[in-house]
Each structure stands twice: as C-alpha cells, then as structure tokens.
Amino acid sequence: MGFLGDLVLDVDPPFVGGEHRLLRKSVREFAEKTVRPRAREIDVGNQYPRDLLPVLAGWWRQASG
C-alpha cells in the first residue's frame, strides 16, 4: 500500500453500525481484489471501467436503502 494508504485509520465513528461495517468491508475487498490489479490500466486509460458500474450501483442502492 502507498504512503497515504498506510495513514488511513480503520476506526469506526461511534454512529457506524453493523450494516455500515459490512458494506465498508465488502467495498474494501472488492477494491483490493478487482480494482487494485487494474489501477494502472484505469489511470493510464483515464477511463472508468464500465464493467464495474453494476456492482457499485448495487452498493449505492443498498446504502441508500
């Protein structure tokens, strides 16, 4: 992980509940497994991979529930 990533604290604010923690965990795992290996390609191409949008849209719907 890069310098800034090392500075991120994994501490939940007091108002964060179990659902929020589960969503954060899922998003983090998705980013590590799916986005991170493609990060250079995404940055160089300067385009967001459309194949990731359905997953992210599903999380948005779940979070805004």
PDB file of N, CA and C in Angstrom:
ATOM      1  N   MET A   1       0.853  -1.170   0.000  1.00  0.00           N
ATOM      2  CA  MET A   1       0.000   0.000   0.000  1.00  0.00           C
ATOM      3  C   MET A   1       0.898   1.232   0.000  1.00  0.00           C
ATOM      4  N   GLY A   2       0.442   2.289  -0.595  1.00  0.00           N
ATOM      5  CA  GLY A   2       1.211   3.522  -0.674  1.00  0.00           C
ATOM      6  C   GLY A   2       1.205   4.291   0.632  1.00  0.00           C
ATOM      7  N   PHE A   3       1.937   5.368   0.646  1.00  0.00           N
ATOM      8  CA  PHE A   3       2.095   6.171   1.855  1.00  0.00           C
ATOM      9  C   PHE A   3       0.756   6.618   2.433  1.00  0.00           C
ATOM     10  N   LEU A   4      -0.107   7.181   1.608  1.00  0.00           N
ATOM     11  CA  LEU A   4      -1.392   7.672   2.122  1.00  0.00           C
ATOM     12  C   LEU A   4      -2.260   6.531   2.609  1.00  0.00           C
ATOM     13  N   GLY A   5      -2.213   5.405   1.902  1.00  0.00           N
ATOM     14  CA  GLY A   5      -2.994   4.253   2.328  1.00  0.00           C
ATOM     15  C   GLY A   5      -2.564   3.737   3.688  1.00  0.00           C
ATOM     16  N   ASP A   6      -1.285   3.876   3.989  1.00  0.00           N
ATOM     17  CA  ASP A   6      -0.780   3.448   5.285  1.00  0.00           C
ATOM     18  C   ASP A   6      -1.265   4.354   6.410  1.00  0.00           C
ATOM     19  N   LEU A   7      -1.652   5.580   6.076  1.00  0.00           N
ATOM     20  CA  LEU A   7      -2.093   6.531   7.088  1.00  0.00           C
ATOM     21  C   LEU A   7      -3.573   6.402   7.433  1.00  0.00           C
ATOM     22  N   VAL A   8      -4.324   5.658   6.647  1.00  0.00           N
ATOM     23  CA  VAL A   8      -5.759   5.525   6.870  1.00  0.00           C
ATOM     24  C   VAL A   8      -5.997   4.689   8.120  1.00  0.00           C
ATOM     25  N   LEU A   9      -6.745   5.236   9.039  1.00  0.00           N
ATOM     26  CA  LEU A   9      -7.081   4.507  10.250  1.00  0.00           C
ATOM     27  C   LEU A   9      -8.349   3.711  10.016  1.00  0.00           C
ATOM     28  N   ASP A  10      -8.364   2.503  10.480  1.00  0.00           N
ATOM     29  CA  ASP A  10      -9.540   1.663  10.316  1.00  0.00           C
ATOM     30  C   ASP A  10     -10.345   1.683  11.612  1.00  0.00           C
ATOM     31  N   VAL A  11     -10.794   2.868  11.977  1.00  0.00           N
ATOM     32  CA  VAL A  11     -11.552   3.066  13.204  1.00  0.00           C
ATOM     33  C   VAL A  11     -12.918   3.616  12.825  1.00  0.00           C
ATOM     34  N   ASP A  12     -13.954   2.975  13.349  1.00  0.00           N
ATOM     35  CA  ASP A  12     -15.309   3.411  13.041  1.00  0.00           C
ATOM     36  C   ASP A  12     -15.752   4.520  13.990  1.00  0.00           C
ATOM     37  N   PRO A  13     -16.416   5.547  13.443  1.00  0.00           N
ATOM     38  CA  PRO A  13     -17.042   6.543  14.315  1.00  0.00           C
ATOM     39  C   PRO A  13     -18.132   5.869  15.148  1.00  0.00           C
ATOM     40  N   PRO A  14     -18.516   6.444  16.252  1.00  0.00           N
ATOM     41  CA  PRO A  14     -19.487   5.801  17.139  1.00  0.00           C
ATOM     42  C   PRO A  14     -20.858   5.565  16.507  1.00  0.00           C
ATOM     43  N   PHE A  15     -21.222   6.324  15.473  1.00  0.00           N
ATOM     44  CA  PHE A  15     -22.546   6.171  14.869  1.00  0.00           C
ATOM     45  C   PHE A  15     -22.596   5.084  13.798  1.00  0.00           C
ATOM     46  N   VAL A  16     -21.487   4.438  13.509  1.00  0.00           N
ATOM     47  CA  VAL A  16     -21.435   3.421  12.457  1.00  0.00           C
ATOM     48  C   VAL A  16     -21.914   2.092  13.025  1.00  0.00           C
ATOM     49  N   GLY A  17     -22.907   1.507  12.339  1.00  0.00           N
ATOM     50  CA  GLY A  17     -23.463   0.246  12.792  1.00  0.00           C
ATOM     51  C   GLY A  17     -22.961  -0.943  11.991  1.00  0.00           C
ATOM     52  N   GLY A  18     -23.527  -2.089  12.273  1.00  0.00           N
ATOM     53  CA  GLY A  18     -23.117  -3.336  11.640  1.00  0.00           C
ATOM     54  C   GLY A  18     -23.295  -3.357  10.136  1.00  0.00           C
ATOM     55  N   GLU A  19     -24.406  -2.819   9.647  1.00  0.00           N
ATOM     56  CA  GLU A  19     -24.638  -2.789   8.194  1.00  0.00           C
ATOM     57  C   GLU A  19     -23.584  -1.948   7.493  1.00  0.00           C
ATOM     58  N   HIS A  20     -23.265  -0.818   8.084  1.00  0.00           N
ATOM     59  CA  HIS A  20     -22.262   0.077   7.503  1.00  0.00           C
ATOM     60  C   HIS A  20     -20.896  -0.607   7.481  1.00  0.00           C
ATOM     61  N   ARG A  21     -20.557  -1.291   8.569  1.00  0.00           N
ATOM     62  CA  ARG A  21     -19.279  -2.009   8.627  1.00  0.00           C
ATOM     63  C   ARG A  21     -19.217  -3.087   7.552  1.00  0.00           C
ATOM     64  N   LEU A  22     -20.306  -3.813   7.380  1.00  0.00           N
ATOM     65  CA  LEU A  22     -20.354  -4.868   6.368  1.00  0.00           C
ATOM     66  C   LEU A  22     -20.196  -4.285   4.969  1.00  0.00           C
ATOM     67  N   LEU A  23     -20.856  -3.172   4.694  1.00  0.00           N
ATOM     68  CA  LEU A  23     -20.731  -2.519   3.395  1.00  0.00           C
ATOM     69  C   LEU A  23     -19.290  -2.064   3.170  1.00  0.00           C
ATOM     70  N   ARG A  24     -18.687  -1.436   4.168  1.00  0.00           N
ATOM     71  CA  ARG A  24     -17.286  -0.995   4.046  1.00  0.00           C
ATOM     72  C   ARG A  24     -16.358  -2.174   3.783  1.00  0.00           C
ATOM     73  N   LYS A  25     -16.587  -3.270   4.486  1.00  0.00           N
ATOM     74  CA  LYS A  25     -15.751  -4.462   4.304  1.00  0.00           C
ATOM     75  C   LYS A  25     -15.905  -5.002   2.887  1.00  0.00           C
ATOM     76  N   SER A  26     -17.127  -5.059   2.392  1.00  0.00           N
ATOM     77  CA  SER A  26     -17.379  -5.550   1.036  1.00  0.00           C
ATOM     78  C   SER A  26     -16.726  -4.658  -0.010  1.00  0.00           C
ATOM     79  N   VAL A  27     -16.855  -3.357   0.161  1.00  0.00           N
ATOM     80  CA  VAL A  27     -16.262  -2.416  -0.794  1.00  0.00           C
ATOM     81  C   VAL A  27     -14.743  -2.520  -0.761  1.00  0.00           C
ATOM     82  N   ARG A  28     -14.178  -2.615   0.421  1.00  0.00           N
ATOM     83  CA  ARG A  28     -12.718  -2.739   0.546  1.00  0.00           C
ATOM     84  C   ARG A  28     -12.219  -4.012  -0.143  1.00  0.00           C
ATOM     85  N   GLU A  29     -12.896  -5.139   0.098  1.00  0.00           N
ATOM     86  CA  GLU A  29     -12.498  -6.404  -0.531  1.00  0.00           C
ATOM     87  C   GLU A  29     -12.618  -6.322  -2.048  1.00  0.00           C
ATOM     88  N   PHE A  30     -13.698  -5.715  -2.520  1.00  0.00           N
ATOM     89  CA  PHE A  30     -13.895  -5.543  -3.959  1.00  0.00           C
ATOM     90  C   PHE A  30     -12.776  -4.697  -4.553  1.00  0.00           C
ATOM     91  N   ALA A  31     -12.438  -3.605  -3.882  1.00  0.00           N
ATOM     92  CA  ALA A  31     -11.383  -2.722  -4.382  1.00  0.00           C
ATOM     93  C   ALA A  31     -10.041  -3.440  -4.423  1.00  0.00           C
ATOM     94  N   GLU A  32      -9.730  -4.186  -3.389  1.00  0.00           N
ATOM     95  CA  GLU A  32      -8.454  -4.906  -3.347  1.00  0.00           C
ATOM     96  C   GLU A  32      -8.390  -5.990  -4.419  1.00  0.00           C
ATOM     97  N   LYS A  33      -9.484  -6.724  -4.582  1.00  0.00           N
ATOM     98  CA  LYS A  33      -9.483  -7.862  -5.499  1.00  0.00           C
ATOM     99  C   LYS A  33      -9.699  -7.455  -6.954  1.00  0.00           C
ATOM    100  N   THR A  34     -10.545  -6.471  -7.203  1.00  0.00           N
ATOM    101  CA  THR A  34     -10.972  -6.155  -8.565  1.00  0.00           C
ATOM    102  C   THR A  34     -10.364  -4.874  -9.118  1.00  0.00           C
ATOM    103  N   VAL A  35     -10.323  -3.831  -8.322  1.00  0.00           N
ATOM    104  CA  VAL A  35      -9.855  -2.535  -8.825  1.00  0.00           C
ATOM    105  C   VAL A  35      -8.333  -2.420  -8.747  1.00  0.00           C
ATOM    106  N   ARG A  36      -7.763  -2.807  -7.636  1.00  0.00           N
ATOM    107  CA  ARG A  36      -6.316  -2.633  -7.442  1.00  0.00           C
ATOM    108  C   ARG A  36      -5.477  -3.255  -8.561  1.00  0.00           C
ATOM    109  N   PRO A  37      -5.755  -4.502  -8.994  1.00  0.00           N
ATOM    110  CA  PRO A  37      -4.944  -5.075 -10.069  1.00  0.00           C
ATOM    111  C   PRO A  37      -5.048  -4.305 -11.385  1.00  0.00           C
ATOM    112  N   ARG A  38      -6.106  -3.536 -11.555  1.00  0.00           N
ATOM    113  CA  ARG A  38      -6.332  -2.787 -12.796  1.00  0.00           C
ATOM    114  C   ARG A  38      -6.062  -1.299 -12.636  1.00  0.00           C
ATOM    115  N   ALA A  39      -5.571  -0.890 -11.485  1.00  0.00           N
ATOM    116  CA  ALA A  39      -5.433   0.538 -11.185  1.00  0.00           C
ATOM    117  C   ALA A  39      -4.568   1.267 -12.205  1.00  0.00           C
ATOM    118  N   ARG A  40      -3.441   0.689 -12.573  1.00  0.00           N
ATOM    119  CA  ARG A  40      -2.557   1.358 -13.534  1.00  0.00           C
ATOM    120  C   ARG A  40      -3.266   1.510 -14.881  1.00  0.00           C
ATOM    121  N   GLU A  41      -3.915   0.441 -15.331  1.00  0.00           N
ATOM    122  CA  GLU A  41      -4.660   0.489 -16.603  1.00  0.00           C
ATOM    123  C   GLU A  41      -5.750   1.562 -16.554  1.00  0.00           C
ATOM    124  N   ILE A  42      -6.446   1.647 -15.441  1.00  0.00           N
ATOM    125  CA  ILE A  42      -7.511   2.641 -15.274  1.00  0.00           C
ATOM    126  C   ILE A  42      -6.928   4.053 -15.311  1.00  0.00           C
ATOM    127  N   ASP A  43      -5.821   4.249 -14.595  1.00  0.00           N
ATOM    128  CA  ASP A  43      -5.188   5.575 -14.555  1.00  0.00           C
ATOM    129  C   ASP A  43      -4.641   5.983 -15.913  1.00  0.00           C
ATOM    130  N   VAL A  44      -3.929   5.068 -16.569  1.00  0.00           N
ATOM    131  CA  VAL A  44      -3.316   5.386 -17.865  1.00  0.00           C
ATOM    132  C   VAL A  44      -4.389   5.645 -18.918  1.00  0.00           C
ATOM    133  N   GLY A  45      -5.429   4.820 -18.932  1.00  0.00           N
ATOM    134  CA  GLY A  45      -6.503   4.975 -19.905  1.00  0.00           C
ATOM    135  C   GLY A  45      -7.423   6.134 -19.592  1.00  0.00           C
ATOM    136  N   ASN A  46      -7.366   6.622 -18.335  1.00  0.00           N
ATOM    137  CA  ASN A  46      -8.196   7.739 -17.908  1.00  0.00           C
ATOM    138  C   ASN A  46      -9.683   7.498 -18.184  1.00  0.00           C
ATOM    139  N   GLN A  47     -10.087   6.238 -18.054  1.00  0.00           N
ATOM    140  CA  GLN A  47     -11.492   5.874 -18.236  1.00  0.00           C
ATOM    141  C   GLN A  47     -11.892   4.915 -17.128  1.00  0.00           C
ATOM    142  N   TYR A  48     -13.097   5.110 -16.629  1.00  0.00           N
ATOM    143  CA  TYR A  48     -13.586   4.210 -15.596  1.00  0.00           C
ATOM    144  C   TYR A  48     -14.135   2.954 -16.258  1.00  0.00           C
ATOM    145  N   PRO A  49     -13.756   1.779 -15.790  1.00  0.00           N
ATOM    146  CA  PRO A  49     -14.235   0.536 -16.401  1.00  0.00           C
ATOM    147  C   PRO A  49     -15.738   0.346 -16.190  1.00  0.00           C
ATOM    148  N   ARG A  50     -16.447   0.315 -17.269  1.00  0.00           N
ATOM    149  CA  ARG A  50     -17.913   0.213 -17.183  1.00  0.00           C
ATOM    150  C   ARG A  50     -18.387  -1.105 -16.593  1.00  0.00           C
ATOM    151  N   ASP A  51     -17.563  -2.138 -16.667  1.00  0.00           N
ATOM    152  CA  ASP A  51     -17.979  -3.424 -16.116  1.00  0.00           C
ATOM    153  C   ASP A  51     -18.088  -3.391 -14.587  1.00  0.00           C
ATOM    154  N   LEU A  52     -17.537  -2.374 -13.957  1.00  0.00           N
ATOM    155  CA  LEU A  52     -17.625  -2.251 -12.502  1.00  0.00           C
ATOM    156  C   LEU A  52     -18.878  -1.504 -12.053  1.00  0.00           C
ATOM    157  N   LEU A  53     -19.504  -0.786 -12.947  1.00  0.00           N
ATOM    158  CA  LEU A  53     -20.650   0.053 -12.578  1.00  0.00           C
ATOM    159  C   LEU A  53     -21.824  -0.718 -11.972  1.00  0.00           C
ATOM    160  N   PRO A  54     -22.217  -1.883 -12.508  1.00  0.00           N
ATOM    161  CA  PRO A  54     -23.352  -2.583 -11.896  1.00  0.00           C
ATOM    162  C   PRO A  54     -23.109  -2.957 -10.432  1.00  0.00           C
ATOM    163  N   VAL A  55     -21.900  -3.361 -10.109  1.00  0.00           N
ATOM    164  CA  VAL A  55     -21.587  -3.706  -8.721  1.00  0.00           C
ATOM    165  C   VAL A  55     -21.689  -2.472  -7.830  1.00  0.00           C
ATOM    166  N   LEU A  56     -21.088  -1.381  -8.275  1.00  0.00           N
ATOM    167  CA  LEU A  56     -21.113  -0.152  -7.484  1.00  0.00           C
ATOM    168  C   LEU A  56     -22.529   0.406  -7.358  1.00  0.00           C
ATOM    169  N   ALA A  57     -23.310   0.307  -8.415  1.00  0.00           N
ATOM    170  CA  ALA A  57     -24.701   0.777  -8.363  1.00  0.00           C
ATOM    171  C   ALA A  57     -25.502  -0.045  -7.357  1.00  0.00           C
ATOM    172  N   GLY A  58     -25.246  -1.332  -7.293  1.00  0.00           N
ATOM    173  CA  GLY A  58     -25.923  -2.187  -6.321  1.00  0.00           C
ATOM    174  C   GLY A  58     -25.611  -1.770  -4.893  1.00  0.00           C
ATOM    175  N   TRP A  59     -24.351  -1.450  -4.630  1.00  0.00           N
ATOM    176  CA  TRP A  59     -23.977  -0.992  -3.294  1.00  0.00           C
ATOM    177  C   TRP A  59     -24.614   0.354  -2.985  1.00  0.00           C
ATOM    178  N   TRP A  60     -24.677   1.224  -3.976  1.00  0.00           N
ATOM    179  CA  TRP A  60     -25.291   2.533  -3.760  1.00  0.00           C
ATOM    180  C   TRP A  60     -26.763   2.355  -3.376  1.00  0.00           C
ATOM    181  N   ARG A  61     -27.468   1.480  -4.108  1.00  0.00           N
ATOM    182  CA  ARG A  61     -28.882   1.222  -3.788  1.00  0.00           C
ATOM    183  C   ARG A  61     -29.017   0.648  -2.383  1.00  0.00           C
ATOM    184  N   GLN A  62     -28.128  -0.268  -2.040  1.00  0.00           N
ATOM    185  CA  GLN A  62     -28.167  -0.885  -0.716  1.00  0.00           C
ATOM    186  C   GLN A  62     -27.912   0.157   0.376  1.00  0.00           C
ATOM    187  N   ALA A  63     -26.934   1.012   0.155  1.00  0.00           N
ATOM    188  CA  ALA A  63     -26.559   2.008   1.164  1.00  0.00           C
ATOM    189  C   ALA A  63     -27.621   3.085   1.330  1.00  0.00           C
ATOM    190  N   SER A  64     -28.292   3.430   0.239  1.00  0.00           N
ATOM    191  CA  SER A  64     -29.283   4.498   0.325  1.00  0.00           C
ATOM    192  C   SER A  64     -30.657   3.962   0.690  1.00  0.00           C
ATOM    193  N   GLY A  65     -30.760   2.635   0.795  1.00  0.00           N
ATOM    194  CA  GLY A  65     -31.924   1.868   1.115  1.00  0.00           C
ATOM    195  C   GLY A  65     -33.042   2.495   1.749  1.00  0.00           C
TER     196      GLY A  65
END
